[in-house]
Amino acid sequence: MSHQRLTMLISGKVQGVYYRASTAEKATELGVTGYAKNLPDGRVEVVAEGPQAALASLKQWCNEGPPAADVDRVEATESTATGEFTRFEPR
């Protein structure tokens, strides 16, 4: 089972709405490692590594986010996994 890396930049009302913590919960549930962090411009950056199917599920979830979020856009880039993460955490 080959792992991939998915980097996403999520725009909209995604800070101050439990987005990072909720993403960490979903990623952990899916068996994905990486992190979610707030960016100074109001977006959230998610870097995730795991099986392709799990990353696709996480990306789909990120398009909605937690109930208080209002996601406008998810920019996603796939690359080769580096294996640098042992778990998924909000930063």
PDB file of N, CA and C in Angstrom:
ATOM      1  N   MET A   1       0.850  -1.167   0.000  1.00  0.00           N
ATOM      2  CA  MET A   1       0.000   0.000   0.000  1.00  0.00           C
ATOM      3  C   MET A   1       0.900   1.235   0.000  1.00  0.00           C
ATOM      4  N   SER A   2       0.875   1.983  -1.074  1.00  0.00           N
ATOM      5  CA  SER A   2       1.748   3.155  -1.167  1.00  0.00           C
ATOM      6  C   SER A   2       1.050   4.381  -0.586  1.00  0.00           C
ATOM      7  N   HIS A   3       1.828   5.172   0.099  1.00  0.00           N
ATOM      8  CA  HIS A   3       1.306   6.390   0.710  1.00  0.00           C
ATOM      9  C   HIS A   3       1.652   7.580  -0.163  1.00  0.00           C
ATOM     10  N   GLN A   4       0.755   8.551  -0.146  1.00  0.00           N
ATOM     11  CA  GLN A   4       0.927   9.798  -0.868  1.00  0.00           C
ATOM     12  C   GLN A   4       0.881  10.943   0.131  1.00  0.00           C
ATOM     13  N   ARG A   5       1.246  12.116  -0.364  1.00  0.00           N
ATOM     14  CA  ARG A   5       1.167  13.337   0.442  1.00  0.00           C
ATOM     15  C   ARG A   5       0.177  14.261  -0.240  1.00  0.00           C
ATOM     16  N   LEU A   6      -0.694  14.857   0.555  1.00  0.00           N
ATOM     17  CA  LEU A   6      -1.674  15.810   0.057  1.00  0.00           C
ATOM     18  C   LEU A   6      -1.508  17.096   0.848  1.00  0.00           C
ATOM     19  N   THR A   7      -1.246  18.194   0.135  1.00  0.00           N
ATOM     20  CA  THR A   7      -1.136  19.511   0.759  1.00  0.00           C
ATOM     21  C   THR A   7      -2.349  20.313   0.312  1.00  0.00           C
ATOM     22  N   MET A   8      -3.092  20.837   1.283  1.00  0.00           N
ATOM     23  CA  MET A   8      -4.303  21.594   0.964  1.00  0.00           C
ATOM     24  C   MET A   8      -4.255  22.968   1.616  1.00  0.00           C
ATOM     25  N   LEU A   9      -4.722  23.959   0.891  1.00  0.00           N
ATOM     26  CA  LEU A   9      -4.905  25.315   1.409  1.00  0.00           C
ATOM     27  C   LEU A   9      -6.404  25.574   1.377  1.00  0.00           C
ATOM     28  N   ILE A  10      -6.992  25.765   2.557  1.00  0.00           N
ATOM     29  CA  ILE A  10      -8.438  25.901   2.668  1.00  0.00           C
ATOM     30  C   ILE A  10      -8.775  27.358   2.965  1.00  0.00           C
ATOM     31  N   SER A  11      -9.642  27.930   2.131  1.00  0.00           N
ATOM     32  CA  SER A  11     -10.054  29.336   2.257  1.00  0.00           C
ATOM     33  C   SER A  11     -11.506  29.422   2.701  1.00  0.00           C
ATOM     34  N   GLY A  12     -11.843  30.530   3.327  1.00  0.00           N
ATOM     35  CA  GLY A  12     -13.207  30.778   3.782  1.00  0.00           C
ATOM     36  C   GLY A  12     -13.196  31.093   5.257  1.00  0.00           C
ATOM     37  N   LYS A  13     -14.325  30.835   5.911  1.00  0.00           N
ATOM     38  CA  LYS A  13     -14.399  31.021   7.362  1.00  0.00           C
ATOM     39  C   LYS A  13     -13.894  29.724   7.990  1.00  0.00           C
ATOM     40  N   VAL A  14     -12.563  29.639   8.148  1.00  0.00           N
ATOM     41  CA  VAL A  14     -11.954  28.390   8.611  1.00  0.00           C
ATOM     42  C   VAL A  14     -11.041  28.577   9.829  1.00  0.00           C
ATOM     43  N   GLN A  15     -10.945  29.791  10.332  1.00  0.00           N
ATOM     44  CA  GLN A  15     -10.179  30.015  11.569  1.00  0.00           C
ATOM     45  C   GLN A  15     -11.150  30.425  12.662  1.00  0.00           C
ATOM     46  N   GLY A  16     -10.908  29.900  13.857  1.00  0.00           N
ATOM     47  CA  GLY A  16     -11.778  30.212  14.986  1.00  0.00           C
ATOM     48  C   GLY A  16     -13.074  29.434  14.980  1.00  0.00           C
ATOM     49  N   VAL A  17     -13.122  28.346  14.224  1.00  0.00           N
ATOM     50  CA  VAL A  17     -14.344  27.539  14.115  1.00  0.00           C
ATOM     51  C   VAL A  17     -14.064  26.060  14.374  1.00  0.00           C
ATOM     52  N   TYR A  18     -12.946  25.765  15.076  1.00  0.00           N
ATOM     53  CA  TYR A  18     -12.575  24.396  15.430  1.00  0.00           C
ATOM     54  C   TYR A  18     -12.148  23.585  14.200  1.00  0.00           C
ATOM     55  N   TYR A  19     -11.719  24.266  13.143  1.00  0.00           N
ATOM     56  CA  TYR A  19     -11.364  23.576  11.900  1.00  0.00           C
ATOM     57  C   TYR A  19     -10.139  22.674  12.068  1.00  0.00           C
ATOM     58  N   ARG A  20      -9.056  23.202  12.663  1.00  0.00           N
ATOM     59  CA  ARG A  20      -7.831  22.397  12.799  1.00  0.00           C
ATOM     60  C   ARG A  20      -8.048  21.168  13.669  1.00  0.00           C
ATOM     61  N   ALA A  21      -8.689  21.349  14.811  1.00  0.00           N
ATOM     62  CA  ALA A  21      -8.921  20.223  15.725  1.00  0.00           C
ATOM     63  C   ALA A  21      -9.859  19.189  15.092  1.00  0.00           C
ATOM     64  N   SER A  22     -10.897  19.658  14.410  1.00  0.00           N
ATOM     65  CA  SER A  22     -11.825  18.739  13.744  1.00  0.00           C
ATOM     66  C   SER A  22     -11.134  17.978  12.620  1.00  0.00           C
ATOM     67  N   THR A  23     -10.250  18.659  11.896  1.00  0.00           N
ATOM     68  CA  THR A  23      -9.494  17.998  10.835  1.00  0.00           C
ATOM     69  C   THR A  23      -8.592  16.927  11.435  1.00  0.00           C
ATOM     70  N   ALA A  24      -7.973  17.226  12.562  1.00  0.00           N
ATOM     71  CA  ALA A  24      -7.105  16.247  13.235  1.00  0.00           C
ATOM     72  C   ALA A  24      -7.905  15.017  13.661  1.00  0.00           C
ATOM     73  N   GLU A  25      -9.109  15.235  14.180  1.00  0.00           N
ATOM     74  CA  GLU A  25      -9.959  14.115  14.581  1.00  0.00           C
ATOM     75  C   GLU A  25     -10.309  13.237  13.374  1.00  0.00           C
ATOM     76  N   LYS A  26     -10.697  13.870  12.271  1.00  0.00           N
ATOM     77  CA  LYS A  26     -11.076  13.118  11.065  1.00  0.00           C
ATOM     78  C   LYS A  26      -9.865  12.392  10.495  1.00  0.00           C
ATOM     79  N   ALA A  27      -8.726  13.061  10.435  1.00  0.00           N
ATOM     80  CA  ALA A  27      -7.516  12.446   9.883  1.00  0.00           C
ATOM     81  C   ALA A  27      -7.099  11.232  10.716  1.00  0.00           C
ATOM     82  N   THR A  28      -7.162  11.362  12.034  1.00  0.00           N
ATOM     83  CA  THR A  28      -6.807  10.254  12.915  1.00  0.00           C
ATOM     84  C   THR A  28      -7.754   9.082  12.698  1.00  0.00           C
ATOM     85  N   GLU A  29      -9.027   9.384  12.558  1.00  0.00           N
ATOM     86  CA  GLU A  29     -10.039   8.357  12.277  1.00  0.00           C
ATOM     87  C   GLU A  29      -9.718   7.611  10.973  1.00  0.00           C
ATOM     88  N   LEU A  30      -9.186   8.338   9.991  1.00  0.00           N
ATOM     89  CA  LEU A  30      -8.862   7.755   8.677  1.00  0.00           C
ATOM     90  C   LEU A  30      -7.477   7.111   8.639  1.00  0.00           C
ATOM     91  N   GLY A  31      -6.695   7.268   9.706  1.00  0.00           N
ATOM     92  CA  GLY A  31      -5.353   6.700   9.733  1.00  0.00           C
ATOM     93  C   GLY A  31      -4.327   7.514   8.957  1.00  0.00           C
ATOM     94  N   VAL A  32      -4.565   8.821   8.869  1.00  0.00           N
ATOM     95  CA  VAL A  32      -3.703   9.733   8.121  1.00  0.00           C
ATOM     96  C   VAL A  32      -2.808  10.499   9.108  1.00  0.00           C
ATOM     97  N   THR A  33      -1.574  10.779   8.724  1.00  0.00           N
ATOM     98  CA  THR A  33      -0.664  11.560   9.554  1.00  0.00           C
ATOM     99  C   THR A  33      -0.427  12.926   8.920  1.00  0.00           C
ATOM    100  N   GLY A  34       0.085  13.880   9.719  1.00  0.00           N
ATOM    101  CA  GLY A  34       0.390  15.213   9.201  1.00  0.00           C
ATOM    102  C   GLY A  34      -0.010  16.287  10.181  1.00  0.00           C
ATOM    103  N   TYR A  35      -0.452  17.432   9.654  1.00  0.00           N
ATOM    104  CA  TYR A  35      -0.836  18.544  10.523  1.00  0.00           C
ATOM    105  C   TYR A  35      -1.799  19.486   9.819  1.00  0.00           C
ATOM    106  N   ALA A  36      -2.450  20.316  10.632  1.00  0.00           N
ATOM    107  CA  ALA A  36      -3.284  21.419  10.144  1.00  0.00           C
ATOM    108  C   ALA A  36      -2.862  22.654  10.922  1.00  0.00           C
ATOM    109  N   LYS A  37      -2.619  23.764  10.222  1.00  0.00           N
ATOM    110  CA  LYS A  37      -2.232  24.993  10.933  1.00  0.00           C
ATOM    111  C   LYS A  37      -2.855  26.213  10.278  1.00  0.00           C
ATOM    112  N   ASN A  38      -3.096  27.224  11.118  1.00  0.00           N
ATOM    113  CA  ASN A  38      -3.610  28.503  10.628  1.00  0.00           C
ATOM    114  C   ASN A  38      -2.488  29.263   9.939  1.00  0.00           C
ATOM    115  N   LEU A  39      -2.838  29.943   8.862  1.00  0.00           N
ATOM    116  CA  LEU A  39      -1.896  30.806   8.158  1.00  0.00           C
ATOM    117  C   LEU A  39      -2.260  32.267   8.446  1.00  0.00           C
ATOM    118  N   PRO A  40      -1.283  33.166   8.374  1.00  0.00           N
ATOM    119  CA  PRO A  40      -1.547  34.583   8.667  1.00  0.00           C
ATOM    120  C   PRO A  40      -2.608  35.215   7.757  1.00  0.00           C
ATOM    121  N   ASP A  41      -2.804  34.674   6.559  1.00  0.00           N
ATOM    122  CA  ASP A  41      -3.772  35.266   5.620  1.00  0.00           C
ATOM    123  C   ASP A  41      -5.201  34.762   5.830  1.00  0.00           C
ATOM    124  N   GLY A  42      -5.433  33.964   6.895  1.00  0.00           N
ATOM    125  CA  GLY A  42      -6.787  33.507   7.192  1.00  0.00           C
ATOM    126  C   GLY A  42      -7.112  32.118   6.685  1.00  0.00           C
ATOM    127  N   ARG A  43      -6.218  31.548   5.891  1.00  0.00           N
ATOM    128  CA  ARG A  43      -6.443  30.183   5.404  1.00  0.00           C
ATOM    129  C   ARG A  43      -5.916  29.168   6.418  1.00  0.00           C
ATOM    130  N   VAL A  44      -6.270  27.913   6.190  1.00  0.00           N
ATOM    131  CA  VAL A  44      -5.716  26.806   6.959  1.00  0.00           C
ATOM    132  C   VAL A  44      -4.925  25.939   5.996  1.00  0.00           C
ATOM    133  N   GLU A  45      -3.711  25.560   6.404  1.00  0.00           N
ATOM    134  CA  GLU A  45      -2.887  24.648   5.621  1.00  0.00           C
ATOM    135  C   GLU A  45      -2.994  23.262   6.249  1.00  0.00           C
ATOM    136  N   VAL A  46      -3.286  22.262   5.413  1.00  0.00           N
ATOM    137  CA  VAL A  46      -3.334  20.872   5.854  1.00  0.00           C
ATOM    138  C   VAL A  46      -2.316  20.097   5.033  1.00  0.00           C
ATOM    139  N   VAL A  47      -1.397  19.422   5.714  1.00  0.00           N
ATOM    140  CA  VAL A  47      -0.448  18.527   5.063  1.00  0.00           C
ATOM    141  C   VAL A  47      -0.733  17.152   5.624  1.00  0.00           C
ATOM    142  N   ALA A  48      -1.100  16.219   4.746  1.00  0.00           N
ATOM    143  CA  ALA A  48      -1.508  14.889   5.192  1.00  0.00           C
ATOM    144  C   ALA A  48      -0.823  13.818   4.368  1.00  0.00           C
ATOM    145  N   GLU A  49      -0.473  12.713   5.030  1.00  0.00           N
ATOM    146  CA  GLU A  49       0.124  11.571   4.350  1.00  0.00           C
ATOM    147  C   GLU A  49      -0.638  10.313   4.730  1.00  0.00           C
ATOM    148  N   GLY A  50      -0.841   9.463   3.735  1.00  0.00           N
ATOM    149  CA  GLY A  50      -1.534   8.210   3.983  1.00  0.00           C
ATOM    150  C   GLY A  50      -1.934   7.562   2.673  1.00  0.00           C
ATOM    151  N   PRO A  51      -2.731   6.494   2.761  1.00  0.00           N
ATOM    152  CA  PRO A  51      -3.213   5.820   1.558  1.00  0.00           C
ATOM    153  C   PRO A  51      -4.096   6.755   0.719  1.00  0.00           C
ATOM    154  N   GLN A  52      -4.083   6.574  -0.573  1.00  0.00           N
ATOM    155  CA  GLN A  52      -4.834   7.430  -1.502  1.00  0.00           C
ATOM    156  C   GLN A  52      -6.312   7.542  -1.123  1.00  0.00           C
ATOM    157  N   ALA A  53      -6.940   6.423  -0.799  1.00  0.00           N
ATOM    158  CA  ALA A  53      -8.372   6.439  -0.472  1.00  0.00           C
ATOM    159  C   ALA A  53      -8.638   7.270   0.784  1.00  0.00           C
ATOM    160  N   ALA A  54      -7.766   7.164   1.785  1.00  0.00           N
ATOM    161  CA  ALA A  54      -7.939   7.928   3.019  1.00  0.00           C
ATOM    162  C   ALA A  54      -7.753   9.419   2.754  1.00  0.00           C
ATOM    163  N   LEU A  55      -6.774   9.762   1.917  1.00  0.00           N
ATOM    164  CA  LEU A  55      -6.550  11.173   1.572  1.00  0.00           C
ATOM    165  C   LEU A  55      -7.735  11.738   0.800  1.00  0.00           C
ATOM    166  N   ALA A  56      -8.327  10.939  -0.082  1.00  0.00           N
ATOM    167  CA  ALA A  56      -9.505  11.391  -0.835  1.00  0.00           C
ATOM    168  C   ALA A  56     -10.665  11.668   0.115  1.00  0.00           C
ATOM    169  N   SER A  57     -10.835  10.812   1.125  1.00  0.00           N
ATOM    170  CA  SER A  57     -11.894  11.021   2.114  1.00  0.00           C
ATOM    171  C   SER A  57     -11.632  12.278   2.937  1.00  0.00           C
ATOM    172  N   LEU A  58     -10.371  12.495   3.308  1.00  0.00           N
ATOM    173  CA  LEU A  58     -10.026  13.692   4.073  1.00  0.00           C
ATOM    174  C   LEU A  58     -10.267  14.953   3.245  1.00  0.00           C
ATOM    175  N   LYS A  59      -9.884  14.915   1.982  1.00  0.00           N
ATOM    176  CA  LYS A  59     -10.101  16.077   1.109  1.00  0.00           C
ATOM    177  C   LYS A  59     -11.589  16.386   0.988  1.00  0.00           C
ATOM    178  N   GLN A  60     -12.388  15.352   0.833  1.00  0.00           N
ATOM    179  CA  GLN A  60     -13.836  15.551   0.732  1.00  0.00           C
ATOM    180  C   GLN A  60     -14.365  16.188   2.024  1.00  0.00           C
ATOM    181  N   TRP A  61     -13.881  15.690   3.172  1.00  0.00           N
ATOM    182  CA  TRP A  61     -14.299  16.262   4.451  1.00  0.00           C
ATOM    183  C   TRP A  61     -13.872  17.720   4.556  1.00  0.00           C
ATOM    184  N   CYS A  62     -12.655  18.044   4.114  1.00  0.00           N
ATOM    185  CA  CYS A  62     -12.133  19.415   4.206  1.00  0.00           C
ATOM    186  C   CYS A  62     -12.957  20.402   3.382  1.00  0.00           C
ATOM    187  N   ASN A  63     -13.640  19.928   2.358  1.00  0.00           N
ATOM    188  CA  ASN A  63     -14.507  20.799   1.565  1.00  0.00           C
ATOM    189  C   ASN A  63     -15.716  21.285   2.361  1.00  0.00           C
ATOM    190  N   GLU A  64     -16.076  20.551   3.416  1.00  0.00           N
ATOM    191  CA  GLU A  64     -17.190  20.943   4.282  1.00  0.00           C
ATOM    192  C   GLU A  64     -16.676  21.497   5.606  1.00  0.00           C
ATOM    193  N   GLY A  65     -15.762  20.761   6.242  1.00  0.00           N
ATOM    194  CA  GLY A  65     -15.230  21.170   7.531  1.00  0.00           C
ATOM    195  C   GLY A  65     -16.241  20.972   8.642  1.00  0.00           C
ATOM    196  N   PRO A  66     -15.945  21.480   9.831  1.00  0.00           N
ATOM    197  CA  PRO A  66     -16.870  21.366  10.961  1.00  0.00           C
ATOM    198  C   PRO A  66     -18.093  22.263  10.735  1.00  0.00           C
ATOM    199  N   PRO A  67     -19.145  22.062  11.537  1.00  0.00           N
ATOM    200  CA  PRO A  67     -20.399  22.811  11.320  1.00  0.00           C
ATOM    201  C   PRO A  67     -20.267  24.332  11.250  1.00  0.00           C
ATOM    202  N   ALA A  68     -19.383  24.928  12.069  1.00  0.00           N
ATOM    203  CA  ALA A  68     -19.274  26.400  12.101  1.00  0.00           C
ATOM    204  C   ALA A  68     -18.458  26.968  10.940  1.00  0.00           C
ATOM    205  N   ALA A  69     -17.778  26.106  10.185  1.00  0.00           N
ATOM    206  CA  ALA A  69     -16.938  26.569   9.072  1.00  0.00           C
ATOM    207  C   ALA A  69     -17.776  26.888   7.838  1.00  0.00           C
ATOM    208  N   ASP A  70     -17.242  27.759   6.998  1.00  0.00           N
ATOM    209  CA  ASP A  70     -17.835  28.073   5.703  1.00  0.00           C
ATOM    210  C   ASP A  70     -16.688  28.050   4.695  1.00  0.00           C
ATOM    211  N   VAL A  71     -16.464  26.887   4.095  1.00  0.00           N
ATOM    212  CA  VAL A  71     -15.332  26.691   3.190  1.00  0.00           C
ATOM    213  C   VAL A  71     -15.666  27.239   1.808  1.00  0.00           C
ATOM    214  N   ASP A  72     -14.815  28.139   1.321  1.00  0.00           N
ATOM    215  CA  ASP A  72     -14.976  28.703  -0.020  1.00  0.00           C
ATOM    216  C   ASP A  72     -14.214  27.897  -1.060  1.00  0.00           C
ATOM    217  N   ARG A  73     -13.002  27.455  -0.688  1.00  0.00           N
ATOM    218  CA  ARG A  73     -12.135  26.818  -1.684  1.00  0.00           C
ATOM    219  C   ARG A  73     -11.110  25.916  -1.009  1.00  0.00           C
ATOM    220  N   VAL A  74     -10.800  24.793  -1.665  1.00  0.00           N
ATOM    221  CA  VAL A  74      -9.718  23.906  -1.229  1.00  0.00           C
ATOM    222  C   VAL A  74      -8.776  23.731  -2.415  1.00  0.00           C
ATOM    223  N   GLU A  75      -7.557  24.250  -2.266  1.00  0.00           N
ATOM    224  CA  GLU A  75      -6.525  24.056  -3.284  1.00  0.00           C
ATOM    225  C   GLU A  75      -5.683  22.866  -2.833  1.00  0.00           C
ATOM    226  N   ALA A  76      -5.607  21.825  -3.661  1.00  0.00           N
ATOM    227  CA  ALA A  76      -4.909  20.607  -3.255  1.00  0.00           C
ATOM    228  C   ALA A  76      -3.792  20.256  -4.227  1.00  0.00           C
ATOM    229  N   THR A  77      -2.676  19.809  -3.666  1.00  0.00           N
ATOM    230  CA  THR A  77      -1.523  19.369  -4.448  1.00  0.00           C
ATOM    231  C   THR A  77      -1.072  18.020  -3.907  1.00  0.00           C
ATOM    232  N   GLU A  78      -0.889  17.058  -4.794  1.00  0.00           N
ATOM    233  CA  GLU A  78      -0.412  15.741  -4.387  1.00  0.00           C
ATOM    234  C   GLU A  78       1.077  15.615  -4.684  1.00  0.00           C
ATOM    235  N   SER A  79       1.762  14.869  -3.825  1.00  0.00           N
ATOM    236  CA  SER A  79       3.183  14.588  -4.028  1.00  0.00           C
ATOM    237  C   SER A  79       3.513  13.263  -3.346  1.00  0.00           C
ATOM    238  N   THR A  80       4.777  12.900  -3.369  1.00  0.00           N
ATOM    239  CA  THR A  80       5.227  11.665  -2.742  1.00  0.00           C
ATOM    240  C   THR A  80       5.347  11.861  -1.236  1.00  0.00           C
ATOM    241  N   ALA A  81       4.881  10.888  -0.473  1.00  0.00           N
ATOM    242  CA  ALA A  81       4.963  10.961   0.986  1.00  0.00           C
ATOM    243  C   ALA A  81       6.424  10.944   1.435  1.00  0.00           C
ATOM    244  N   THR A  82       6.713  11.682   2.496  1.00  0.00           N
ATOM    245  CA  THR A  82       8.069  11.716   3.048  1.00  0.00           C
ATOM    246  C   THR A  82       8.211  10.801   4.263  1.00  0.00           C
ATOM    247  N   GLY A  83       7.094  10.448   4.899  1.00  0.00           N
ATOM    248  CA  GLY A  83       7.124   9.606   6.080  1.00  0.00           C
ATOM    249  C   GLY A  83       7.597  10.328   7.331  1.00  0.00           C
ATOM    250  N   GLU A  84       7.583  11.656   7.317  1.00  0.00           N
ATOM    251  CA  GLU A  84       8.116  12.430   8.448  1.00  0.00           C
ATOM    252  C   GLU A  84       7.174  12.528   9.647  1.00  0.00           C
ATOM    253  N   PHE A  85       5.903  12.162   9.486  1.00  0.00           N
ATOM    254  CA  PHE A  85       4.921  12.306  10.559  1.00  0.00           C
ATOM    255  C   PHE A  85       4.608  10.962  11.211  1.00  0.00           C
ATOM    256  N   THR A  86       4.339  11.005  12.514  1.00  0.00           N
ATOM    257  CA  THR A  86       3.935   9.793  13.220  1.00  0.00           C
ATOM    258  C   THR A  86       2.463   9.839  13.618  1.00  0.00           C
ATOM    259  N   ARG A  87       1.869  11.042  13.570  1.00  0.00           N
ATOM    260  CA  ARG A  87       0.452  11.215  13.893  1.00  0.00           C
ATOM    261  C   ARG A  87      -0.026  12.488  13.213  1.00  0.00           C
ATOM    262  N   PHE A  88      -1.310  12.794  13.373  1.00  0.00           N
ATOM    263  CA  PHE A  88      -1.864  14.043  12.828  1.00  0.00           C
ATOM    264  C   PHE A  88      -2.140  14.963  13.996  1.00  0.00           C
ATOM    265  N   GLU A  89      -1.703  16.229  13.863  1.00  0.00           N
ATOM    266  CA  GLU A  89      -1.884  17.180  14.956  1.00  0.00           C
ATOM    267  C   GLU A  89      -2.215  18.571  14.454  1.00  0.00           C
ATOM    268  N   PRO A  90      -3.014  19.293  15.234  1.00  0.00           N
ATOM    269  CA  PRO A  90      -3.218  20.709  14.931  1.00  0.00           C
ATOM    270  C   PRO A  90      -1.979  21.474  15.408  1.00  0.00           C
ATOM    271  N   ARG A  91      -1.554  22.458  14.649  1.00  0.00           N
ATOM    272  CA  ARG A  91      -0.390  23.269  15.050  1.00  0.00           C
ATOM    273  C   ARG A  91      -0.804  24.698  15.231  1.00  0.00           C
TER     274      ARG A  91
END
